[in-house]
Amino acid sequence: MRRISTWSMRRVIVACVLWLVGAPVLAAIGILLGGLVLAVFSGHQRIGFTVGLSNWFGAWLFLPPIALVATWVMSRRRAD
């Protein structure tokens, strides 16, 4: 917690924005790669799948930035 207390507000905001932008992009790339792997292994058989966003998507997307900000705020209070 001592290391995170030295972070500036700008660094915390950048980390949160990178997570909020990067996580969905990486998830989309993973889904595309998974579809390509299925297509290669299926041969001539047709495979279809759908992807839906549930309430868990929002929880997993926003939980890490919220935890980071909460930890940063608590560490700043303890450092002062």
PDB file of N, CA and C in Angstrom:
ATOM      1  N   MET A   1       0.817  -1.188   0.000  1.00  0.00           N
ATOM      2  CA  MET A   1       0.000   0.000   0.000  1.00  0.00           C
ATOM      3  C   MET A   1       0.865   1.257   0.000  1.00  0.00           C
ATOM      4  N   ARG A   2       2.092   1.145   0.430  1.00  0.00           N
ATOM      5  CA  ARG A   2       2.939   2.342   0.452  1.00  0.00           C
ATOM      6  C   ARG A   2       3.267   2.807  -0.961  1.00  0.00           C
ATOM      7  N   ARG A   3       3.472   1.863  -1.856  1.00  0.00           N
ATOM      8  CA  ARG A   3       3.806   2.254  -3.220  1.00  0.00           C
ATOM      9  C   ARG A   3       2.636   2.961  -3.900  1.00  0.00           C
ATOM     10  N   ILE A   4       1.433   2.458  -3.696  1.00  0.00           N
ATOM     11  CA  ILE A   4       0.285   3.071  -4.354  1.00  0.00           C
ATOM     12  C   ILE A   4      -0.023   4.442  -3.758  1.00  0.00           C
ATOM     13  N   SER A   5       0.388   4.684  -2.526  1.00  0.00           N
ATOM     14  CA  SER A   5       0.134   5.994  -1.927  1.00  0.00           C
ATOM     15  C   SER A   5       0.979   7.084  -2.576  1.00  0.00           C
ATOM     16  N   THR A   6       2.036   6.693  -3.280  1.00  0.00           N
ATOM     17  CA  THR A   6       2.884   7.676  -3.951  1.00  0.00           C
ATOM     18  C   THR A   6       2.366   8.030  -5.347  1.00  0.00           C
ATOM     19  N   TRP A   7       1.352   7.327  -5.817  1.00  0.00           N
ATOM     20  CA  TRP A   7       0.797   7.610  -7.147  1.00  0.00           C
ATOM     21  C   TRP A   7       0.079   8.949  -7.142  1.00  0.00           C
ATOM     22  N   SER A   8       0.197   9.667  -8.241  1.00  0.00           N
ATOM     23  CA  SER A   8      -0.547  10.917  -8.392  1.00  0.00           C
ATOM     24  C   SER A   8      -1.971  10.600  -8.858  1.00  0.00           C
ATOM     25  N   MET A   9      -2.835  11.591  -8.751  1.00  0.00           N
ATOM     26  CA  MET A   9      -4.216  11.397  -9.194  1.00  0.00           C
ATOM     27  C   MET A   9      -4.257  11.123 -10.697  1.00  0.00           C
ATOM     28  N   ARG A  10      -3.390  11.769 -11.446  1.00  0.00           N
ATOM     29  CA  ARG A  10      -3.347  11.555 -12.890  1.00  0.00           C
ATOM     30  C   ARG A  10      -3.009  10.105 -13.229  1.00  0.00           C
ATOM     31  N   ARG A  11      -2.077   9.518 -12.488  1.00  0.00           N
ATOM     32  CA  ARG A  11      -1.676   8.134 -12.744  1.00  0.00           C
ATOM     33  C   ARG A  11      -2.820   7.167 -12.442  1.00  0.00           C
ATOM     34  N   VAL A  12      -3.568   7.428 -11.392  1.00  0.00           N
ATOM     35  CA  VAL A  12      -4.712   6.580 -11.047  1.00  0.00           C
ATOM     36  C   VAL A  12      -5.790   6.686 -12.124  1.00  0.00           C
ATOM     37  N   ILE A  13      -6.048   7.907 -12.590  1.00  0.00           N
ATOM     38  CA  ILE A  13      -7.064   8.097 -13.636  1.00  0.00           C
ATOM     39  C   ILE A  13      -6.634   7.412 -14.929  1.00  0.00           C
ATOM     40  N   VAL A  14      -5.371   7.535 -15.297  1.00  0.00           N
ATOM     41  CA  VAL A  14      -4.875   6.881 -16.515  1.00  0.00           C
ATOM     42  C   VAL A  14      -4.992   5.370 -16.398  1.00  0.00           C
ATOM     43  N   ALA A  15      -4.672   4.813 -15.237  1.00  0.00           N
ATOM     44  CA  ALA A  15      -4.794   3.364 -15.039  1.00  0.00           C
ATOM     45  C   ALA A  15      -6.250   2.924 -15.176  1.00  0.00           C
ATOM     46  N   CYS A  16      -7.174   3.696 -14.624  1.00  0.00           N
ATOM     47  CA  CYS A  16      -8.595   3.349 -14.735  1.00  0.00           C
ATOM     48  C   CYS A  16      -9.080   3.442 -16.177  1.00  0.00           C
ATOM     49  N   VAL A  17      -8.680   4.480 -16.885  1.00  0.00           N
ATOM     50  CA  VAL A  17      -9.101   4.641 -18.282  1.00  0.00           C
ATOM     51  C   VAL A  17      -8.513   3.530 -19.144  1.00  0.00           C
ATOM     52  N   LEU A  18      -7.252   3.186 -18.918  1.00  0.00           N
ATOM     53  CA  LEU A  18      -6.654   2.088 -19.681  1.00  0.00           C
ATOM     54  C   LEU A  18      -7.402   0.785 -19.444  1.00  0.00           C
ATOM     55  N   TRP A  19      -7.821   0.532 -18.214  1.00  0.00           N
ATOM     56  CA  TRP A  19      -8.588  -0.671 -17.928  1.00  0.00           C
ATOM     57  C   TRP A  19      -9.942  -0.633 -18.631  1.00  0.00           C
ATOM     58  N   LEU A  20     -10.646   0.494 -18.518  1.00  0.00           N
ATOM     59  CA  LEU A  20     -11.996   0.590 -19.084  1.00  0.00           C
ATOM     60  C   LEU A  20     -11.985   0.527 -20.609  1.00  0.00           C
ATOM     61  N   VAL A  21     -10.904   0.953 -21.236  1.00  0.00           N
ATOM     62  CA  VAL A  21     -10.803   0.876 -22.692  1.00  0.00           C
ATOM     63  C   VAL A  21     -10.182  -0.455 -23.118  1.00  0.00           C
ATOM     64  N   GLY A  22      -9.164  -0.873 -22.428  1.00  0.00           N
ATOM     65  CA  GLY A  22      -8.422  -2.069 -22.835  1.00  0.00           C
ATOM     66  C   GLY A  22      -9.116  -3.384 -22.573  1.00  0.00           C
ATOM     67  N   ALA A  23      -9.843  -3.495 -21.479  1.00  0.00           N
ATOM     68  CA  ALA A  23     -10.482  -4.769 -21.133  1.00  0.00           C
ATOM     69  C   ALA A  23     -11.505  -5.209 -22.180  1.00  0.00           C
ATOM     70  N   PRO A  24     -12.427  -4.337 -22.631  1.00  0.00           N
ATOM     71  CA  PRO A  24     -13.362  -4.777 -23.671  1.00  0.00           C
ATOM     72  C   PRO A  24     -12.678  -5.090 -25.004  1.00  0.00           C
ATOM     73  N   VAL A  25     -11.624  -4.358 -25.325  1.00  0.00           N
ATOM     74  CA  VAL A  25     -10.905  -4.627 -26.572  1.00  0.00           C
ATOM     75  C   VAL A  25     -10.241  -5.995 -26.514  1.00  0.00           C
ATOM     76  N   LEU A  26      -9.592  -6.295 -25.391  1.00  0.00           N
ATOM     77  CA  LEU A  26      -8.962  -7.613 -25.248  1.00  0.00           C
ATOM     78  C   LEU A  26      -9.999  -8.729 -25.233  1.00  0.00           C
ATOM     79  N   ALA A  27     -11.158  -8.476 -24.631  1.00  0.00           N
ATOM     80  CA  ALA A  27     -12.224  -9.484 -24.639  1.00  0.00           C
ATOM     81  C   ALA A  27     -12.712  -9.739 -26.054  1.00  0.00           C
ATOM     82  N   ALA A  28     -12.862  -8.681 -26.847  1.00  0.00           N
ATOM     83  CA  ALA A  28     -13.308  -8.845 -28.229  1.00  0.00           C
ATOM     84  C   ALA A  28     -12.275  -9.609 -29.054  1.00  0.00           C
ATOM     85  N   ILE A  29     -11.008  -9.307 -28.842  1.00  0.00           N
ATOM     86  CA  ILE A  29      -9.949 -10.038 -29.553  1.00  0.00           C
ATOM     87  C   ILE A  29      -9.969 -11.513 -29.151  1.00  0.00           C
ATOM     88  N   GLY A  30     -10.174 -11.787 -27.872  1.00  0.00           N
ATOM     89  CA  GLY A  30     -10.243 -13.175 -27.413  1.00  0.00           C
ATOM     90  C   GLY A  30     -11.416 -13.926 -28.012  1.00  0.00           C
ATOM     91  N   ILE A  31     -12.558 -13.260 -28.129  1.00  0.00           N
ATOM     92  CA  ILE A  31     -13.728 -13.899 -28.731  1.00  0.00           C
ATOM     93  C   ILE A  31     -13.473 -14.185 -30.209  1.00  0.00           C
ATOM     94  N   LEU A  32     -12.848 -13.227 -30.912  1.00  0.00           N
ATOM     95  CA  LEU A  32     -12.526 -13.442 -32.319  1.00  0.00           C
ATOM     96  C   LEU A  32     -11.535 -14.590 -32.506  1.00  0.00           C
ATOM     97  N   LEU A  33     -10.514 -14.632 -31.674  1.00  0.00           N
ATOM     98  CA  LEU A  33      -9.544 -15.724 -31.776  1.00  0.00           C
ATOM     99  C   LEU A  33     -10.175 -17.068 -31.437  1.00  0.00           C
ATOM    100  N   GLY A  34     -11.059 -17.068 -30.438  1.00  0.00           N
ATOM    101  CA  GLY A  34     -11.772 -18.303 -30.109  1.00  0.00           C
ATOM    102  C   GLY A  34     -12.637 -18.778 -31.263  1.00  0.00           C
ATOM    103  N   GLY A  35     -13.291 -17.851 -31.952  1.00  0.00           N
ATOM    104  CA  GLY A  35     -14.091 -18.212 -33.119  1.00  0.00           C
ATOM    105  C   GLY A  35     -13.234 -18.764 -34.241  1.00  0.00           C
ATOM    106  N   LEU A  36     -12.056 -18.158 -34.437  1.00  0.00           N
ATOM    107  CA  LEU A  36     -11.155 -18.664 -35.477  1.00  0.00           C
ATOM    108  C   LEU A  36     -10.642 -20.056 -35.153  1.00  0.00           C
ATOM    109  N   VAL A  37     -10.324 -20.314 -33.893  1.00  0.00           N
ATOM    110  CA  VAL A  37      -9.864 -21.649 -33.490  1.00  0.00           C
ATOM    111  C   VAL A  37     -10.975 -22.669 -33.699  1.00  0.00           C
ATOM    112  N   LEU A  38     -12.202 -22.298 -33.323  1.00  0.00           N
ATOM    113  CA  LEU A  38     -13.332 -23.205 -33.566  1.00  0.00           C
ATOM    114  C   LEU A  38     -13.530 -23.468 -35.056  1.00  0.00           C
ATOM    115  N   ALA A  39     -13.353 -22.442 -35.859  1.00  0.00           N
ATOM    116  CA  ALA A  39     -13.526 -22.611 -37.303  1.00  0.00           C
ATOM    117  C   ALA A  39     -12.472 -23.545 -37.882  1.00  0.00           C
ATOM    118  N   VAL A  40     -11.246 -23.444 -37.391  1.00  0.00           N
ATOM    119  CA  VAL A  40     -10.173 -24.310 -37.893  1.00  0.00           C
ATOM    120  C   VAL A  40     -10.429 -25.759 -37.504  1.00  0.00           C
ATOM    121  N   PHE A  41     -10.825 -25.984 -36.248  1.00  0.00           N
ATOM    122  CA  PHE A  41     -11.020 -27.354 -35.789  1.00  0.00           C
ATOM    123  C   PHE A  41     -12.324 -27.975 -36.261  1.00  0.00           C
ATOM    124  N   SER A  42     -13.279 -27.170 -36.674  1.00  0.00           N
ATOM    125  CA  SER A  42     -14.569 -27.722 -37.075  1.00  0.00           C
ATOM    126  C   SER A  42     -14.539 -28.290 -38.485  1.00  0.00           C
ATOM    127  N   GLY A  43     -13.575 -27.887 -39.269  1.00  0.00           N
ATOM    128  CA  GLY A  43     -13.507 -28.380 -40.645  1.00  0.00           C
ATOM    129  C   GLY A  43     -14.650 -27.806 -41.463  1.00  0.00           C
ATOM    130  N   HIS A  44     -15.468 -28.689 -42.016  1.00  0.00           N
ATOM    131  CA  HIS A  44     -16.587 -28.251 -42.847  1.00  0.00           C
ATOM    132  C   HIS A  44     -17.883 -28.130 -42.059  1.00  0.00           C
ATOM    133  N   GLN A  45     -17.865 -28.504 -40.803  1.00  0.00           N
ATOM    134  CA  GLN A  45     -19.075 -28.402 -39.966  1.00  0.00           C
ATOM    135  C   GLN A  45     -19.303 -26.955 -39.575  1.00  0.00           C
ATOM    136  N   ARG A  46     -20.536 -26.515 -39.683  1.00  0.00           N
ATOM    137  CA  ARG A  46     -20.868 -25.135 -39.335  1.00  0.00           C
ATOM    138  C   ARG A  46     -21.074 -25.025 -37.829  1.00  0.00           C
ATOM    139  N   ILE A  47     -20.437 -24.040 -37.235  1.00  0.00           N
ATOM    140  CA  ILE A  47     -20.572 -23.787 -35.808  1.00  0.00           C
ATOM    141  C   ILE A  47     -21.015 -22.343 -35.647  1.00  0.00           C
ATOM    142  N   GLY A  48     -22.029 -22.137 -34.846  1.00  0.00           N
ATOM    143  CA  GLY A  48     -22.485 -20.789 -34.558  1.00  0.00           C
ATOM    144  C   GLY A  48     -22.500 -20.556 -33.054  1.00  0.00           C
ATOM    145  N   PHE A  49     -22.126 -19.380 -32.646  1.00  0.00           N
ATOM    146  CA  PHE A  49     -22.213 -19.031 -31.235  1.00  0.00           C
ATOM    147  C   PHE A  49     -22.558 -17.559 -31.113  1.00  0.00           C
ATOM    148  N   THR A  50     -23.156 -17.228 -30.010  1.00  0.00           N
ATOM    149  CA  THR A  50     -23.529 -15.844 -29.755  1.00  0.00           C
ATOM    150  C   THR A  50     -22.863 -15.367 -28.476  1.00  0.00           C
ATOM    151  N   VAL A  51     -22.657 -14.092 -28.411  1.00  0.00           N
ATOM    152  CA  VAL A  51     -22.051 -13.475 -27.235  1.00  0.00           C
ATOM    153  C   VAL A  51     -23.021 -12.422 -26.734  1.00  0.00           C
ATOM    154  N   GLY A  52     -23.331 -12.488 -25.451  1.00  0.00           N
ATOM    155  CA  GLY A  52     -24.233 -11.511 -24.854  1.00  0.00           C
ATOM    156  C   GLY A  52     -23.602 -10.885 -23.620  1.00  0.00           C
ATOM    157  N   LEU A  53     -23.968  -9.664 -23.374  1.00  0.00           N
ATOM    158  CA  LEU A  53     -23.465  -8.962 -22.197  1.00  0.00           C
ATOM    159  C   LEU A  53     -24.481  -9.110 -21.075  1.00  0.00           C
ATOM    160  N   SER A  54     -24.027  -9.586 -19.958  1.00  0.00           N
ATOM    161  CA  SER A  54     -24.909  -9.758 -18.810  1.00  0.00           C
ATOM    162  C   SER A  54     -24.568  -8.704 -17.756  1.00  0.00           C
ATOM    163  N   ASN A  55     -25.241  -8.791 -16.631  1.00  0.00           N
ATOM    164  CA  ASN A  55     -24.942  -7.874 -15.526  1.00  0.00           C
ATOM    165  C   ASN A  55     -23.544  -8.102 -14.974  1.00  0.00           C
ATOM    166  N   TRP A  56     -23.039  -9.327 -15.111  1.00  0.00           N
ATOM    167  CA  TRP A  56     -21.694  -9.623 -14.621  1.00  0.00           C
ATOM    168  C   TRP A  56     -20.639  -8.867 -15.412  1.00  0.00           C
ATOM    169  N   PHE A  57     -20.930  -8.573 -16.682  1.00  0.00           N
ATOM    170  CA  PHE A  57     -19.978  -7.817 -17.498  1.00  0.00           C
ATOM    171  C   PHE A  57     -19.691  -6.468 -16.863  1.00  0.00           C
ATOM    172  N   GLY A  58     -20.741  -5.778 -16.441  1.00  0.00           N
ATOM    173  CA  GLY A  58     -20.560  -4.479 -15.794  1.00  0.00           C
ATOM    174  C   GLY A  58     -19.797  -4.592 -14.496  1.00  0.00           C
ATOM    175  N   ALA A  59     -20.083  -5.646 -13.743  1.00  0.00           N
ATOM    176  CA  ALA A  59     -19.382  -5.838 -12.468  1.00  0.00           C
ATOM    177  C   ALA A  59     -17.888  -6.075 -12.695  1.00  0.00           C
ATOM    178  N   TRP A  60     -17.562  -6.946 -13.637  1.00  0.00           N
ATOM    179  CA  TRP A  60     -16.152  -7.248 -13.884  1.00  0.00           C
ATOM    180  C   TRP A  60     -15.439  -6.104 -14.581  1.00  0.00           C
ATOM    181  N   LEU A  61     -16.186  -5.257 -15.293  1.00  0.00           N
ATOM    182  CA  LEU A  61     -15.562  -4.129 -15.964  1.00  0.00           C
ATOM    183  C   LEU A  61     -15.242  -3.007 -14.982  1.00  0.00           C
ATOM    184  N   PHE A  62     -16.167  -2.715 -14.060  1.00  0.00           N
ATOM    185  CA  PHE A  62     -15.996  -1.558 -13.180  1.00  0.00           C
ATOM    186  C   PHE A  62     -15.385  -1.899 -11.824  1.00  0.00           C
ATOM    187  N   LEU A  63     -15.351  -3.156 -11.442  1.00  0.00           N
ATOM    188  CA  LEU A  63     -14.821  -3.529 -10.130  1.00  0.00           C
ATOM    189  C   LEU A  63     -13.331  -3.189  -9.956  1.00  0.00           C
ATOM    190  N   PRO A  64     -12.440  -3.533 -10.893  1.00  0.00           N
ATOM    191  CA  PRO A  64     -11.019  -3.197 -10.689  1.00  0.00           C
ATOM    192  C   PRO A  64     -10.736  -1.702 -10.563  1.00  0.00           C
ATOM    193  N   PRO A  65     -11.318  -0.826 -11.414  1.00  0.00           N
ATOM    194  CA  PRO A  65     -11.049   0.605 -11.188  1.00  0.00           C
ATOM    195  C   PRO A  65     -11.584   1.121  -9.851  1.00  0.00           C
ATOM    196  N   ILE A  66     -12.746   0.630  -9.441  1.00  0.00           N
ATOM    197  CA  ILE A  66     -13.296   1.054  -8.147  1.00  0.00           C
ATOM    198  C   ILE A  66     -12.382   0.594  -7.016  1.00  0.00           C
ATOM    199  N   ALA A  67     -11.906  -0.648  -7.110  1.00  0.00           N
ATOM    200  CA  ALA A  67     -10.994  -1.166  -6.085  1.00  0.00           C
ATOM    201  C   ALA A  67      -9.678  -0.379  -6.074  1.00  0.00           C
ATOM    202  N   LEU A  68      -9.184  -0.012  -7.247  1.00  0.00           N
ATOM    203  CA  LEU A  68      -7.944   0.765  -7.320  1.00  0.00           C
ATOM    204  C   LEU A  68      -8.109   2.128  -6.676  1.00  0.00           C
ATOM    205  N   VAL A  69      -9.189   2.814  -6.999  1.00  0.00           N
ATOM    206  CA  VAL A  69      -9.417   4.146  -6.430  1.00  0.00           C
ATOM    207  C   VAL A  69      -9.620   4.049  -4.920  1.00  0.00           C
ATOM    208  N   ALA A  70     -10.380   3.055  -4.457  1.00  0.00           N
ATOM    209  CA  ALA A  70     -10.602   2.893  -3.017  1.00  0.00           C
ATOM    210  C   ALA A  70      -9.294   2.606  -2.283  1.00  0.00           C
ATOM    211  N   THR A  71      -8.471   1.738  -2.853  1.00  0.00           N
ATOM    212  CA  THR A  71      -7.180   1.420  -2.235  1.00  0.00           C
ATOM    213  C   THR A  71      -6.269   2.636  -2.219  1.00  0.00           C
ATOM    214  N   TRP A  72      -6.278   3.400  -3.309  1.00  0.00           N
ATOM    215  CA  TRP A  72      -5.444   4.603  -3.383  1.00  0.00           C
ATOM    216  C   TRP A  72      -5.873   5.636  -2.346  1.00  0.00           C
ATOM    217  N   VAL A  73      -7.190   5.825  -2.205  1.00  0.00           N
ATOM    218  CA  VAL A  73      -7.689   6.792  -1.213  1.00  0.00           C
ATOM    219  C   VAL A  73      -7.326   6.352   0.199  1.00  0.00           C
ATOM    220  N   MET A  74      -7.503   5.070   0.499  1.00  0.00           N
ATOM    221  CA  MET A  74      -7.161   4.565   1.851  1.00  0.00           C
ATOM    222  C   MET A  74      -5.664   4.686   2.113  1.00  0.00           C
ATOM    223  N   SER A  75      -4.841   4.396   1.117  1.00  0.00           N
ATOM    224  CA  SER A  75      -3.402   4.473   1.332  1.00  0.00           C
ATOM    225  C   SER A  75      -2.940   5.911   1.510  1.00  0.00           C
ATOM    226  N   ARG A  76      -3.590   6.851   0.810  1.00  0.00           N
ATOM    227  CA  ARG A  76      -3.238   8.256   0.983  1.00  0.00           C
ATOM    228  C   ARG A  76      -3.580   8.739   2.388  1.00  0.00           C
ATOM    229  N   ARG A  77      -4.709   8.276   2.929  1.00  0.00           N
ATOM    230  CA  ARG A  77      -5.092   8.675   4.289  1.00  0.00           C
ATOM    231  C   ARG A  77      -4.135   8.109   5.316  1.00  0.00           C
ATOM    232  N   ARG A  78      -3.692   6.879   5.104  1.00  0.00           N
ATOM    233  CA  ARG A  78      -2.758   6.271   6.057  1.00  0.00           C
ATOM    234  C   ARG A  78      -1.378   6.907   5.972  1.00  0.00           C
ATOM    235  N   ALA A  79      -0.997   7.336   4.770  1.00  0.00           N
ATOM    236  CA  ALA A  79       0.329   7.949   4.592  1.00  0.00           C
ATOM    237  C   ALA A  79       0.384   9.338   5.228  1.00  0.00           C
ATOM    238  N   ASP A  80      -0.754  10.015   5.278  1.00  0.00           N
ATOM    239  CA  ASP A  80      -0.770  11.388   5.828  1.00  0.00           C
ATOM    240  C   ASP A  80      -0.797  11.401   7.304  1.00  0.00           C
TER     241      ASP A  80
END
